[in-house]
Amino acid sequence: MQSRQKWAQGRRPKRAIMGRQRSCASPLEYHAYIALYVGVFLADDSLVVVIALTTLRMAGNRLVDARGARLVGGTVMLALGLLLIFRPAWLSFSA
């Protein structure tokens, strides 16, 4: 039983370890890590967009379809932008 207590005393909470790692890094290292993180996700999203555009070109979309898609896409983006500005709580998952 004593060995178990010693083991529990030696454990640190995960949050304390993560906080310590962040504080040890210099501001330049921290921001470089964030930039790398964002860059990886942008590369992934860019790949999806390139694949989607290539597929649309191969399918030979008509001009009417493109206009409709732009209209719907623009409307959705405008609505989301307005929601982010005026009612950001509506877009959160927390109750």
Protein backbone atom coordinates (compact mmCIF):
# COMPACT_ATOMS: atom_id res chain seq x y z
CA MET A 1 0.00 0.00 0.00
CA GLN A 2 2.90 2.36 0.74
CA SER A 3 4.37 1.91 -2.71
CA ARG A 4 1.04 2.93 -4.21
CA GLN A 5 0.98 6.11 -2.11
CA LYS A 6 4.52 6.97 -3.17
CA TRP A 7 3.55 6.44 -6.80
CA ALA A 8 0.51 8.71 -6.41
CA GLN A 9 2.61 11.41 -4.74
CA GLY A 10 5.09 11.34 -7.60
CA ARG A 11 2.42 11.85 -10.24
CA ARG A 12 1.73 15.36 -11.48
CA PRO A 13 -1.53 16.52 -13.01
CA LYS A 14 -1.46 16.68 -16.79
CA ARG A 15 -2.43 20.33 -16.78
CA ALA A 16 0.61 21.26 -14.69
CA ILE A 17 2.91 19.42 -17.07
CA MET A 18 1.38 21.04 -20.15
CA GLY A 19 1.61 24.48 -18.55
CA ARG A 20 5.23 23.91 -17.67
CA GLN A 21 6.11 22.88 -21.22
CA ARG A 22 4.54 25.99 -22.66
CA SER A 23 6.32 28.29 -20.23
CA CYS A 24 9.72 26.74 -20.99
CA ALA A 25 9.51 27.57 -24.67
CA SER A 26 10.64 30.98 -25.81
CA PRO A 27 8.00 33.23 -27.39
CA LEU A 28 9.61 32.67 -30.79
CA GLU A 29 9.40 28.87 -30.40
CA TYR A 30 5.81 29.08 -29.17
CA HIS A 31 4.67 31.21 -32.12
CA ALA A 32 6.62 29.07 -34.58
CA TYR A 33 4.80 26.01 -33.24
CA ILE A 34 1.44 27.75 -33.63
CA ALA A 35 2.36 28.78 -37.19
CA LEU A 36 3.32 25.20 -38.02
CA TYR A 37 0.04 23.95 -36.54
CA VAL A 38 -2.01 26.42 -38.60
CA GLY A 39 0.06 25.68 -41.71
CA VAL A 40 -0.63 21.95 -41.51
CA PHE A 41 -4.37 22.53 -41.27
CA LEU A 42 -4.29 25.06 -44.12
CA ALA A 43 -2.39 22.59 -46.30
CA ASP A 44 -4.99 19.93 -45.59
CA ASP A 45 -7.88 22.27 -46.43
CA SER A 46 -6.09 23.52 -49.55
CA LEU A 47 -5.71 19.95 -50.77
CA VAL A 48 -9.46 19.37 -50.36
CA VAL A 49 -10.23 22.58 -52.32
CA VAL A 50 -7.86 21.61 -55.14
CA ILE A 51 -9.43 18.16 -55.40
CA ALA A 52 -12.94 19.66 -55.43
CA LEU A 53 -12.05 22.20 -58.14
CA THR A 54 -10.35 19.56 -60.27
CA THR A 55 -13.41 17.35 -59.97
CA LEU A 56 -15.68 20.21 -61.01
CA ARG A 57 -13.55 20.95 -64.07
CA MET A 58 -13.57 17.29 -65.10
CA ALA A 59 -17.34 17.10 -64.68
CA GLY A 60 -17.78 20.04 -67.03
CA ASN A 61 -20.06 22.13 -64.87
CA ARG A 62 -22.38 24.46 -66.70
CA LEU A 63 -22.43 28.23 -66.25
CA VAL A 64 -25.89 28.14 -64.66
CA ASP A 65 -24.72 25.63 -62.05
CA ALA A 66 -21.68 27.77 -61.25
CA ARG A 67 -23.79 30.90 -60.79
CA GLY A 68 -26.19 29.08 -58.49
CA ALA A 69 -23.37 27.58 -56.45
CA ARG A 70 -21.69 30.97 -56.10
CA LEU A 71 -24.98 32.56 -55.02
CA VAL A 72 -25.65 29.91 -52.38
CA GLY A 73 -22.04 29.87 -51.17
CA GLY A 74 -21.87 33.65 -50.96
CA THR A 75 -25.15 33.81 -49.06
CA VAL A 76 -23.99 31.22 -46.54
CA MET A 77 -20.65 32.99 -46.05
CA LEU A 78 -22.35 36.35 -45.58
CA ALA A 79 -24.78 34.87 -43.05
CA LEU A 80 -21.96 33.21 -41.11
CA GLY A 81 -19.92 36.41 -41.13
CA LEU A 82 -22.83 38.44 -39.81
CA LEU A 83 -23.49 35.84 -37.13
CA LEU A 84 -19.84 35.91 -36.06
CA ILE A 85 -19.98 39.68 -35.75
CA PHE A 86 -23.36 40.16 -34.08
CA ARG A 87 -24.32 36.83 -32.41
CA PRO A 88 -21.20 34.64 -31.93
CA ALA A 89 -22.89 32.72 -29.09
CA TRP A 90 -25.32 31.22 -31.60
CA LEU A 91 -22.42 29.44 -33.29
CA SER A 92 -20.99 27.84 -30.14
CA PHE A 93 -21.72 24.28 -29.09
CA SER A 94 -21.88 25.04 -25.38
CA ALA A 95 -25.31 25.40 -23.84
